Each structure stands twice: as structure tokens, then as C-alpha cells.
Amino acid sequence: MQADPNSPVYFILHIPKTAGQTIQHHLAGHCAPGVFWGPHQAPRLQALSGRRYEPASLPEAPRIRAVFGHNLGRSLERYFPDREIRRVVPLRDPISLQLSYTTIE
């Protein structure tokens, strides 16, 4: 099945402790190959000083429907010319978020 090159691309920003890993694993396991891209993040110190993702790992861009990660910069948009970018940010109740940070696992 050929992907629609005019379909929107969802940029899903993963904020810690908001079920982001659950969403990422679900999409990775249930999307057709090449439709979901979760870029490999550089080591933490490199991420602070330089490129956060390696664009060379980007598969065939016209097929991608969802991009997921902690640092989704606007620079990634250039890989999806003439396509609508829809930004998604899962949020969580602030009190349960703070309790989750303090819970010992």
C-alpha cells in the first residue's frame, strides 16, 4: 500500500512521566513498517551542544506519519516539505506527575 504523500505528520513530543514510552512502544509495534520514526538520540552531552538526532537514520520520509522523541526541533520539519505538521504533547495531571517522580520503583 502506497502512503499518501499529502497526509499530515504527527510530531509527538515525549515529556517524561506522561506515558510516552507506552505510546512509543504501541506505535512501534502496531504501525506499518516505515510509518513511525523514533529517532535515535545522541548521548546526553552531545544533545546539549549539537544535533540531537541523526537525520541519516530517517527512513523514506514520504511514508512517515508519526515522529516521536524528547527533542523534536523545528529543523526536522524540512524533511517533510509540503506536509502539514501536527504537534502532539501528552500531558498529565500535575499532582500525579509529581507523585510519580517521587515514587521508588
PDB file of N, CA and C in Angstrom:
ATOM      1  N   MET A   1       0.851  -1.185   0.000  1.00  0.00           N
ATOM      2  CA  MET A   1       0.000   0.000   0.000  1.00  0.00           C
ATOM      3  C   MET A   1       0.890   1.240   0.000  1.00  0.00           C
ATOM      4  N   GLN A   2       0.637   2.143  -0.913  1.00  0.00           N
ATOM      5  CA  GLN A   2       1.406   3.381  -1.029  1.00  0.00           C
ATOM      6  C   GLN A   2       0.867   4.422  -0.049  1.00  0.00           C
ATOM      7  N   ALA A   3       1.755   5.097   0.665  1.00  0.00           N
ATOM      8  CA  ALA A   3       1.354   6.136   1.615  1.00  0.00           C
ATOM      9  C   ALA A   3       0.944   7.390   0.862  1.00  0.00           C
ATOM     10  N   ASP A   4       0.020   8.144   1.435  1.00  0.00           N
ATOM     11  CA  ASP A   4      -0.425   9.409   0.857  1.00  0.00           C
ATOM     12  C   ASP A   4       0.633  10.466   1.157  1.00  0.00           C
ATOM     13  N   PRO A   5       1.321  11.000   0.138  1.00  0.00           N
ATOM     14  CA  PRO A   5       2.380  11.983   0.388  1.00  0.00           C
ATOM     15  C   PRO A   5       1.855  13.314   0.925  1.00  0.00           C
ATOM     16  N   ASN A   6       0.544  13.529   0.887  1.00  0.00           N
ATOM     17  CA  ASN A   6      -0.043  14.766   1.409  1.00  0.00           C
ATOM     18  C   ASN A   6      -0.609  14.598   2.815  1.00  0.00           C
ATOM     19  N   SER A   7      -0.471  13.417   3.397  1.00  0.00           N
ATOM     20  CA  SER A   7      -1.014  13.186   4.728  1.00  0.00           C
ATOM     21  C   SER A   7      -0.209  13.960   5.771  1.00  0.00           C
ATOM     22  N   PRO A   8      -0.849  14.357   6.867  1.00  0.00           N
ATOM     23  CA  PRO A   8      -0.113  15.093   7.903  1.00  0.00           C
ATOM     24  C   PRO A   8       0.905  14.203   8.604  1.00  0.00           C
ATOM     25  N   VAL A   9       1.896  14.833   9.215  1.00  0.00           N
ATOM     26  CA  VAL A   9       2.894  14.131  10.017  1.00  0.00           C
ATOM     27  C   VAL A   9       2.679  14.569  11.457  1.00  0.00           C
ATOM     28  N   TYR A  10       2.543  13.605  12.350  1.00  0.00           N
ATOM     29  CA  TYR A  10       2.346  13.898  13.765  1.00  0.00           C
ATOM     30  C   TYR A  10       3.687  13.888  14.470  1.00  0.00           C
ATOM     31  N   PHE A  11       4.040  15.024  15.064  1.00  0.00           N
ATOM     32  CA  PHE A  11       5.241  15.135  15.885  1.00  0.00           C
ATOM     33  C   PHE A  11       4.783  14.964  17.334  1.00  0.00           C
ATOM     34  N   ILE A  12       5.124  13.835  17.926  1.00  0.00           N
ATOM     35  CA  ILE A  12       4.675  13.511  19.286  1.00  0.00           C
ATOM     36  C   ILE A  12       5.848  13.741  20.232  1.00  0.00           C
ATOM     37  N   LEU A  13       5.753  14.811  21.018  1.00  0.00           N
ATOM     38  CA  LEU A  13       6.810  15.172  21.959  1.00  0.00           C
ATOM     39  C   LEU A  13       6.647  14.350  23.232  1.00  0.00           C
ATOM     40  N   HIS A  14       7.699  13.626  23.592  1.00  0.00           N
ATOM     41  CA  HIS A  14       7.659  12.795  24.797  1.00  0.00           C
ATOM     42  C   HIS A  14       8.183  13.583  25.991  1.00  0.00           C
ATOM     43  N   ILE A  15       7.286  13.907  26.897  1.00  0.00           N
ATOM     44  CA  ILE A  15       7.649  14.535  28.167  1.00  0.00           C
ATOM     45  C   ILE A  15       7.720  13.410  29.189  1.00  0.00           C
ATOM     46  N   PRO A  16       8.792  13.310  29.970  1.00  0.00           N
ATOM     47  CA  PRO A  16       8.917  12.214  30.932  1.00  0.00           C
ATOM     48  C   PRO A  16       7.715  12.107  31.863  1.00  0.00           C
ATOM     49  N   LYS A  17       7.396  10.865  32.181  1.00  0.00           N
ATOM     50  CA  LYS A  17       6.322  10.518  33.121  1.00  0.00           C
ATOM     51  C   LYS A  17       4.919  10.872  32.602  1.00  0.00           C
ATOM     52  N   THR A  18       4.726  10.837  31.280  1.00  0.00           N
ATOM     53  CA  THR A  18       3.398  11.101  30.706  1.00  0.00           C
ATOM     54  C   THR A  18       2.952   9.951  29.804  1.00  0.00           C
ATOM     55  N   ALA A  19       3.422   8.736  30.066  1.00  0.00           N
ATOM     56  CA  ALA A  19       3.089   7.533  29.299  1.00  0.00           C
ATOM     57  C   ALA A  19       3.703   7.558  27.904  1.00  0.00           C
ATOM     58  N   GLY A  20       4.742   8.326  27.713  1.00  0.00           N
ATOM     59  CA  GLY A  20       5.382   8.429  26.406  1.00  0.00           C
ATOM     60  C   GLY A  20       5.971   7.125  25.918  1.00  0.00           C
ATOM     61  N   GLN A  21       6.629   6.365  26.802  1.00  0.00           N
ATOM     62  CA  GLN A  21       7.193   5.089  26.379  1.00  0.00           C
ATOM     63  C   GLN A  21       6.102   4.109  25.987  1.00  0.00           C
ATOM     64  N   THR A  22       4.993   4.132  26.687  1.00  0.00           N
ATOM     65  CA  THR A  22       3.871   3.261  26.338  1.00  0.00           C
ATOM     66  C   THR A  22       3.347   3.604  24.952  1.00  0.00           C
ATOM     67  N   ILE A  23       3.188   4.885  24.679  1.00  0.00           N
ATOM     68  CA  ILE A  23       2.715   5.326  23.362  1.00  0.00           C
ATOM     69  C   ILE A  23       3.734   4.943  22.287  1.00  0.00           C
ATOM     70  N   GLN A  24       5.004   5.171  22.557  1.00  0.00           N
ATOM     71  CA  GLN A  24       6.053   4.857  21.587  1.00  0.00           C
ATOM     72  C   GLN A  24       6.071   3.363  21.278  1.00  0.00           C
ATOM     73  N   HIS A  25       6.017   2.515  22.290  1.00  0.00           N
ATOM     74  CA  HIS A  25       6.043   1.073  22.069  1.00  0.00           C
ATOM     75  C   HIS A  25       4.798   0.603  21.317  1.00  0.00           C
ATOM     76  N   HIS A  26       3.668   1.209  21.611  1.00  0.00           N
ATOM     77  CA  HIS A  26       2.439   0.848  20.904  1.00  0.00           C
ATOM     78  C   HIS A  26       2.550   1.191  19.419  1.00  0.00           C
ATOM     79  N   LEU A  27       2.984   2.415  19.119  1.00  0.00           N
ATOM     80  CA  LEU A  27       3.115   2.816  17.713  1.00  0.00           C
ATOM     81  C   LEU A  27       4.150   1.970  16.986  1.00  0.00           C
ATOM     82  N   ALA A  28       5.289   1.724  17.631  1.00  0.00           N
ATOM     83  CA  ALA A  28       6.342   0.922  17.004  1.00  0.00           C
ATOM     84  C   ALA A  28       5.856  -0.496  16.719  1.00  0.00           C
ATOM     85  N   GLY A  29       5.012  -1.022  17.593  1.00  0.00           N
ATOM     86  CA  GLY A  29       4.536  -2.391  17.426  1.00  0.00           C
ATOM     87  C   GLY A  29       3.334  -2.544  16.517  1.00  0.00           C
ATOM     88  N   HIS A  30       2.582  -1.461  16.295  1.00  0.00           N
ATOM     89  CA  HIS A  30       1.336  -1.578  15.545  1.00  0.00           C
ATOM     90  C   HIS A  30       1.292  -0.805  14.231  1.00  0.00           C
ATOM     91  N   CYS A  31       2.264   0.053  13.994  1.00  0.00           N
ATOM     92  CA  CYS A  31       2.283   0.792  12.726  1.00  0.00           C
ATOM     93  C   CYS A  31       2.946  -0.065  11.647  1.00  0.00           C
ATOM     94  N   ALA A  32       2.568   0.191  10.422  1.00  0.00           N
ATOM     95  CA  ALA A  32       3.218  -0.482   9.298  1.00  0.00           C
ATOM     96  C   ALA A  32       4.686  -0.061   9.253  1.00  0.00           C
ATOM     97  N   PRO A  33       5.552  -0.913   8.742  1.00  0.00           N
ATOM     98  CA  PRO A  33       6.966  -0.550   8.654  1.00  0.00           C
ATOM     99  C   PRO A  33       7.169   0.759   7.888  1.00  0.00           C
ATOM    100  N   GLY A  34       8.005   1.626   8.445  1.00  0.00           N
ATOM    101  CA  GLY A  34       8.332   2.887   7.794  1.00  0.00           C
ATOM    102  C   GLY A  34       7.352   4.016   8.041  1.00  0.00           C
ATOM    103  N   VAL A  35       6.290   3.785   8.806  1.00  0.00           N
ATOM    104  CA  VAL A  35       5.275   4.807   9.058  1.00  0.00           C
ATOM    105  C   VAL A  35       5.583   5.594  10.334  1.00  0.00           C
ATOM    106  N   PHE A  36       6.277   4.969  11.270  1.00  0.00           N
ATOM    107  CA  PHE A  36       6.598   5.576  12.560  1.00  0.00           C
ATOM    108  C   PHE A  36       8.112   5.703  12.665  1.00  0.00           C
ATOM    109  N   TRP A  37       8.600   6.888  13.097  1.00  0.00           N
ATOM    110  CA  TRP A  37      10.036   7.078  13.274  1.00  0.00           C
ATOM    111  C   TRP A  37      10.324   7.649  14.639  1.00  0.00           C
ATOM    112  N   GLY A  38      11.087   6.936  15.420  1.00  0.00           N
ATOM    113  CA  GLY A  38      11.581   7.415  16.695  1.00  0.00           C
ATOM    114  C   GLY A  38      13.077   7.570  16.573  1.00  0.00           C
ATOM    115  N   PRO A  39      13.562   8.779  16.324  1.00  0.00           N
ATOM    116  CA  PRO A  39      14.988   8.970  16.082  1.00  0.00           C
ATOM    117  C   PRO A  39      15.835   8.532  17.263  1.00  0.00           C
ATOM    118  N   HIS A  40      17.029   8.055  16.955  1.00  0.00           N
ATOM    119  CA  HIS A  40      17.969   7.659  17.999  1.00  0.00           C
ATOM    120  C   HIS A  40      18.599   8.919  18.564  1.00  0.00           C
ATOM    121  N   GLN A  41      18.521   9.059  19.861  1.00  0.00           N
ATOM    122  CA  GLN A  41      19.041  10.261  20.495  1.00  0.00           C
ATOM    123  C   GLN A  41      20.539  10.128  20.737  1.00  0.00           C
ATOM    124  N   ALA A  42      21.225  11.217  20.530  1.00  0.00           N
ATOM    125  CA  ALA A  42      22.662  11.260  20.795  1.00  0.00           C
ATOM    126  C   ALA A  42      22.891  11.201  22.304  1.00  0.00           C
ATOM    127  N   PRO A  43      24.111  10.871  22.734  1.00  0.00           N
ATOM    128  CA  PRO A  43      24.407  10.918  24.167  1.00  0.00           C
ATOM    129  C   PRO A  43      24.053  12.287  24.747  1.00  0.00           C
ATOM    130  N   ARG A  44      23.696  12.297  25.999  1.00  0.00           N
ATOM    131  CA  ARG A  44      23.163  13.492  26.654  1.00  0.00           C
ATOM    132  C   ARG A  44      24.029  14.739  26.472  1.00  0.00           C
ATOM    133  N   LEU A  45      25.330  14.640  26.629  1.00  0.00           N
ATOM    134  CA  LEU A  45      26.176  15.832  26.494  1.00  0.00           C
ATOM    135  C   LEU A  45      26.193  16.334  25.061  1.00  0.00           C
ATOM    136  N   GLN A  46      26.186  15.432  24.086  1.00  0.00           N
ATOM    137  CA  GLN A  46      26.151  15.859  22.696  1.00  0.00           C
ATOM    138  C   GLN A  46      24.813  16.517  22.381  1.00  0.00           C
ATOM    139  N   ALA A  47      23.756  16.017  22.996  1.00  0.00           N
ATOM    140  CA  ALA A  47      22.435  16.578  22.748  1.00  0.00           C
ATOM    141  C   ALA A  47      22.360  18.030  23.221  1.00  0.00           C
ATOM    142  N   LEU A  48      23.135  18.380  24.252  1.00  0.00           N
ATOM    143  CA  LEU A  48      23.114  19.747  24.758  1.00  0.00           C
ATOM    144  C   LEU A  48      23.898  20.702  23.868  1.00  0.00           C
ATOM    145  N   SER A  49      24.884  20.173  23.157  1.00  0.00           N
ATOM    146  CA  SER A  49      25.758  21.067  22.403  1.00  0.00           C
ATOM    147  C   SER A  49      25.628  20.971  20.887  1.00  0.00           C
ATOM    148  N   GLY A  50      24.930  19.987  20.395  1.00  0.00           N
ATOM    149  CA  GLY A  50      24.878  19.834  18.943  1.00  0.00           C
ATOM    150  C   GLY A  50      23.588  19.191  18.488  1.00  0.00           C
ATOM    151  N   ARG A  51      23.647  18.545  17.330  1.00  0.00           N
ATOM    152  CA  ARG A  51      22.465  17.907  16.747  1.00  0.00           C
ATOM    153  C   ARG A  51      21.920  16.841  17.688  1.00  0.00           C
ATOM    154  N   ARG A  52      20.635  16.852  17.885  1.00  0.00           N
ATOM    155  CA  ARG A  52      20.015  15.913  18.805  1.00  0.00           C
ATOM    156  C   ARG A  52      19.697  14.575  18.144  1.00  0.00           C
ATOM    157  N   TYR A  53      19.433  14.581  16.869  1.00  0.00           N
ATOM    158  CA  TYR A  53      19.084  13.363  16.160  1.00  0.00           C
ATOM    159  C   TYR A  53      19.926  13.233  14.915  1.00  0.00           C
ATOM    160  N   GLU A  54      20.083  12.021  14.467  1.00  0.00           N
ATOM    161  CA  GLU A  54      20.860  11.751  13.268  1.00  0.00           C
ATOM    162  C   GLU A  54      19.915  11.612  12.079  1.00  0.00           C
ATOM    163  N   PRO A  55      19.797  12.640  11.249  1.00  0.00           N
ATOM    164  CA  PRO A  55      18.879  12.592  10.106  1.00  0.00           C
ATOM    165  C   PRO A  55      19.183  11.463   9.131  1.00  0.00           C
ATOM    166  N   ALA A  56      20.413  10.947   9.134  1.00  0.00           N
ATOM    167  CA  ALA A  56      20.738   9.839   8.235  1.00  0.00           C
ATOM    168  C   ALA A  56      19.924   8.592   8.573  1.00  0.00           C
ATOM    169  N   SER A  57      19.436   8.509   9.816  1.00  0.00           N
ATOM    170  CA  SER A  57      18.629   7.351  10.205  1.00  0.00           C
ATOM    171  C   SER A  57      17.170   7.510   9.795  1.00  0.00           C
ATOM    172  N   LEU A  58      16.833   8.650   9.220  1.00  0.00           N
ATOM    173  CA  LEU A  58      15.460   8.906   8.780  1.00  0.00           C
ATOM    174  C   LEU A  58      15.140   8.020   7.578  1.00  0.00           C
ATOM    175  N   PRO A  59      14.124   7.147   7.704  1.00  0.00           N
ATOM    176  CA  PRO A  59      13.764   6.309   6.561  1.00  0.00           C
ATOM    177  C   PRO A  59      13.067   7.144   5.489  1.00  0.00           C
ATOM    178  N   GLU A  60      12.468   6.523   4.550  1.00  0.00           N
ATOM    179  CA  GLU A  60      11.785   7.200   3.457  1.00  0.00           C
ATOM    180  C   GLU A  60      10.723   8.154   4.015  1.00  0.00           C
ATOM    181  N   ALA A  61      11.022   9.461   3.986  1.00  0.00           N
ATOM    182  CA  ALA A  61      10.175  10.474   4.618  1.00  0.00           C
ATOM    183  C   ALA A  61       8.721  10.497   4.121  1.00  0.00           C
ATOM    184  N   PRO A  62       8.436  10.291   2.845  1.00  0.00           N
ATOM    185  CA  PRO A  62       7.029  10.347   2.410  1.00  0.00           C
ATOM    186  C   PRO A  62       6.134   9.294   3.074  1.00  0.00           C
ATOM    187  N   ARG A  63       6.724   8.216   3.568  1.00  0.00           N
ATOM    188  CA  ARG A  63       5.929   7.166   4.225  1.00  0.00           C
ATOM    189  C   ARG A  63       5.632   7.483   5.683  1.00  0.00           C
ATOM    190  N   ILE A  64       6.444   8.312   6.302  1.00  0.00           N
ATOM    191  CA  ILE A  64       6.321   8.564   7.745  1.00  0.00           C
ATOM    192  C   ILE A  64       5.036   9.324   8.049  1.00  0.00           C
ATOM    193  N   ARG A  65       4.317   8.847   9.063  1.00  0.00           N
ATOM    194  CA  ARG A  65       3.098   9.508   9.536  1.00  0.00           C
ATOM    195  C   ARG A  65       3.250  10.031  10.951  1.00  0.00           C
ATOM    196  N   ALA A  66       4.231   9.491  11.716  1.00  0.00           N
ATOM    197  CA  ALA A  66       4.419   9.922  13.103  1.00  0.00           C
ATOM    198  C   ALA A  66       5.900   9.920  13.444  1.00  0.00           C
ATOM    199  N   VAL A  67       6.336  10.990  14.138  1.00  0.00           N
ATOM    200  CA  VAL A  67       7.705  11.138  14.612  1.00  0.00           C
ATOM    201  C   VAL A  67       7.610  11.307  16.125  1.00  0.00           C
ATOM    202  N   PHE A  68       8.473  10.607  16.861  1.00  0.00           N
ATOM    203  CA  PHE A  68       8.369  10.590  18.310  1.00  0.00           C
ATOM    204  C   PHE A  68       9.726  10.854  18.931  1.00  0.00           C
ATOM    205  N   GLY A  69       9.775  11.653  20.005  1.00  0.00           N
ATOM    206  CA  GLY A  69      11.034  11.840  20.706  1.00  0.00           C
ATOM    207  C   GLY A  69      10.970  12.920  21.768  1.00  0.00           C
ATOM    208  N   HIS A  70      12.071  13.030  22.513  1.00  0.00           N
ATOM    209  CA  HIS A  70      12.171  14.018  23.582  1.00  0.00           C
ATOM    210  C   HIS A  70      12.512  15.408  23.058  1.00  0.00           C
ATOM    211  N   ASN A  71      13.230  15.488  21.968  1.00  0.00           N
ATOM    212  CA  ASN A  71      13.699  16.772  21.445  1.00  0.00           C
ATOM    213  C   ASN A  71      13.333  16.892  19.970  1.00  0.00           C
ATOM    214  N   LEU A  72      12.108  17.232  19.692  1.00  0.00           N
ATOM    215  CA  LEU A  72      11.660  17.357  18.306  1.00  0.00           C
ATOM    216  C   LEU A  72      11.759  18.813  17.880  1.00  0.00           C
ATOM    217  N   GLY A  73      12.886  19.161  17.314  1.00  0.00           N
ATOM    218  CA  GLY A  73      13.108  20.538  16.881  1.00  0.00           C
ATOM    219  C   GLY A  73      12.432  20.834  15.562  1.00  0.00           C
ATOM    220  N   ARG A  74      12.259  22.091  15.299  1.00  0.00           N
ATOM    221  CA  ARG A  74      11.646  22.525  14.039  1.00  0.00           C
ATOM    222  C   ARG A  74      12.500  22.155  12.833  1.00  0.00           C
ATOM    223  N   SER A  75      13.783  21.925  13.066  1.00  0.00           N
ATOM    224  CA  SER A  75      14.665  21.576  11.949  1.00  0.00           C
ATOM    225  C   SER A  75      14.255  20.260  11.292  1.00  0.00           C
ATOM    226  N   LEU A  76      13.569  19.380  12.010  1.00  0.00           N
ATOM    227  CA  LEU A  76      13.112  18.119  11.423  1.00  0.00           C
ATOM    228  C   LEU A  76      12.000  18.329  10.397  1.00  0.00           C
ATOM    229  N   GLU A  77      11.324  19.466  10.470  1.00  0.00           N
ATOM    230  CA  GLU A  77      10.206  19.719   9.558  1.00  0.00           C
ATOM    231  C   GLU A  77      10.643  19.790   8.101  1.00  0.00           C
ATOM    232  N   ARG A  78      11.886  20.176   7.855  1.00  0.00           N
ATOM    233  CA  ARG A  78      12.338  20.304   6.469  1.00  0.00           C
ATOM    234  C   ARG A  78      12.361  18.967   5.729  1.00  0.00           C
ATOM    235  N   TYR A  79      12.335  17.860   6.455  1.00  0.00           N
ATOM    236  CA  TYR A  79      12.303  16.544   5.828  1.00  0.00           C
ATOM    237  C   TYR A  79      10.905  16.150   5.362  1.00  0.00           C
ATOM    238  N   PHE A  80       9.930  16.997   5.668  1.00  0.00           N
ATOM    239  CA  PHE A  80       8.536  16.733   5.292  1.00  0.00           C
ATOM    240  C   PHE A  80       7.956  17.943   4.557  1.00  0.00           C
ATOM    241  N   PRO A  81       8.557  18.327   3.422  1.00  0.00           N
ATOM    242  CA  PRO A  81       8.090  19.522   2.719  1.00  0.00           C
ATOM    243  C   PRO A  81       6.663  19.349   2.208  1.00  0.00           C
ATOM    244  N   ASP A  82       5.921  20.437   2.238  1.00  0.00           N
ATOM    245  CA  ASP A  82       4.545  20.475   1.726  1.00  0.00           C
ATOM    246  C   ASP A  82       3.592  19.551   2.484  1.00  0.00           C
ATOM    247  N   ARG A  83       3.966  19.168   3.695  1.00  0.00           N
ATOM    248  CA  ARG A  83       3.064  18.342   4.516  1.00  0.00           C
ATOM    249  C   ARG A  83       2.732  19.093   5.800  1.00  0.00           C
ATOM    250  N   GLU A  84       1.514  18.952   6.230  1.00  0.00           N
ATOM    251  CA  GLU A  84       1.078  19.582   7.473  1.00  0.00           C
ATOM    252  C   GLU A  84       1.751  18.870   8.645  1.00  0.00           C
ATOM    253  N   ILE A  85       2.298  19.645   9.576  1.00  0.00           N
ATOM    254  CA  ILE A  85       2.901  19.107  10.794  1.00  0.00           C
ATOM    255  C   ILE A  85       1.895  19.313  11.922  1.00  0.00           C
ATOM    256  N   ARG A  86       1.502  18.231  12.554  1.00  0.00           N
ATOM    257  CA  ARG A  86       0.594  18.305  13.708  1.00  0.00           C
ATOM    258  C   ARG A  86       1.378  17.907  14.945  1.00  0.00           C
ATOM    259  N   ARG A  87       1.471  18.843  15.884  1.00  0.00           N
ATOM    260  CA  ARG A  87       2.231  18.604  17.108  1.00  0.00           C
ATOM    261  C   ARG A  87       1.319  18.059  18.201  1.00  0.00           C
ATOM    262  N   VAL A  88       1.817  17.018  18.879  1.00  0.00           N
ATOM    263  CA  VAL A  88       1.067  16.366  19.946  1.00  0.00           C
ATOM    264  C   VAL A  88       1.955  16.358  21.187  1.00  0.00           C
ATOM    265  N   VAL A  89       1.395  16.785  22.314  1.00  0.00           N
ATOM    266  CA  VAL A  89       2.124  16.775  23.579  1.00  0.00           C
ATOM    267  C   VAL A  89       1.225  16.130  24.633  1.00  0.00           C
ATOM    268  N   PRO A  90       1.461  14.854  24.962  1.00  0.00           N
ATOM    269  CA  PRO A  90       0.684  14.222  26.024  1.00  0.00           C
ATOM    270  C   PRO A  90       0.992  14.900  27.362  1.00  0.00           C
ATOM    271  N   LEU A  91      -0.039  15.242  28.084  1.00  0.00           N
ATOM    272  CA  LEU A  91       0.121  15.881  29.390  1.00  0.00           C
ATOM    273  C   LEU A  91      -0.467  14.997  30.481  1.00  0.00           C
ATOM    274  N   ARG A  92      -0.192  15.355  31.713  1.00  0.00           N
ATOM    275  CA  ARG A  92      -0.644  14.573  32.850  1.00  0.00           C
ATOM    276  C   ARG A  92      -1.009  15.520  33.980  1.00  0.00           C
ATOM    277  N   ASP A  93      -1.925  15.085  34.813  1.00  0.00           N
ATOM    278  CA  ASP A  93      -2.307  15.852  35.989  1.00  0.00           C
ATOM    279  C   ASP A  93      -1.047  16.181  36.796  1.00  0.00           C
ATOM    280  N   PRO A  94      -0.815  17.467  37.127  1.00  0.00           N
ATOM    281  CA  PRO A  94       0.448  17.855  37.772  1.00  0.00           C
ATOM    282  C   PRO A  94       0.715  17.160  39.104  1.00  0.00           C
ATOM    283  N   ILE A  95      -0.309  16.887  39.884  1.00  0.00           N
ATOM    284  CA  ILE A  95      -0.089  16.249  41.187  1.00  0.00           C
ATOM    285  C   ILE A  95       0.367  14.804  41.007  1.00  0.00           C
ATOM    286  N   SER A  96      -0.319  14.049  40.148  1.00  0.00           N
ATOM    287  CA  SER A  96       0.100  12.659  39.942  1.00  0.00           C
ATOM    288  C   SER A  96       1.462  12.595  39.264  1.00  0.00           C
ATOM    289  N   LEU A  97       1.776  13.589  38.456  1.00  0.00           N
ATOM    290  CA  LEU A  97       3.096  13.643  37.821  1.00  0.00           C
ATOM    291  C   LEU A  97       4.179  13.771  38.889  1.00  0.00           C
ATOM    292  N   GLN A  98       4.001  14.678  39.841  1.00  0.00           N
ATOM    293  CA  GLN A  98       4.983  14.871  40.903  1.00  0.00           C
ATOM    294  C   GLN A  98       5.082  13.643  41.799  1.00  0.00           C
ATOM    295  N   LEU A  99       3.945  13.018  42.091  1.00  0.00           N
ATOM    296  CA  LEU A  99       3.967  11.799  42.900  1.00  0.00           C
ATOM    297  C   LEU A  99       4.721  10.690  42.171  1.00  0.00           C
ATOM    298  N   SER A 100       4.583  10.629  40.874  1.00  0.00           N
ATOM    299  CA  SER A 100       5.280   9.618  40.094  1.00  0.00           C
ATOM    300  C   SER A 100       6.787   9.822  40.155  1.00  0.00           C
ATOM    301  N   TYR A 101       7.237  11.074  40.156  1.00  0.00           N
ATOM    302  CA  TYR A 101       8.664  11.357  40.266  1.00  0.00           C
ATOM    303  C   TYR A 101       9.218  10.927  41.616  1.00  0.00           C
ATOM    304  N   THR A 102       8.417  10.971  42.660  1.00  0.00           N
ATOM    305  CA  THR A 102       8.903  10.643  43.987  1.00  0.00           C
ATOM    306  C   THR A 102       8.725   9.187  44.353  1.00  0.00           C
ATOM    307  N   THR A 103       8.007   8.420  43.542  1.00  0.00           N
ATOM    308  CA  THR A 103       7.771   7.015  43.827  1.00  0.00           C
ATOM    309  C   THR A 103       9.028   6.206  43.549  1.00  0.00           C
ATOM    310  N   ILE A 104       9.399   5.380  44.505  1.00  0.00           N
ATOM    311  CA  ILE A 104      10.551   4.494  44.333  1.00  0.00           C
ATOM    312  C   ILE A 104      10.073   3.248  43.602  1.00  0.00           C
ATOM    313  N   GLU A 105      10.783   2.943  42.536  1.00  0.00           N
ATOM    314  CA  GLU A 105      10.398   1.755  41.745  1.00  0.00           C
ATOM    315  C   GLU A 105      11.294   0.602  42.045  1.00  0.00           C
TER     316      GLU A 105
END
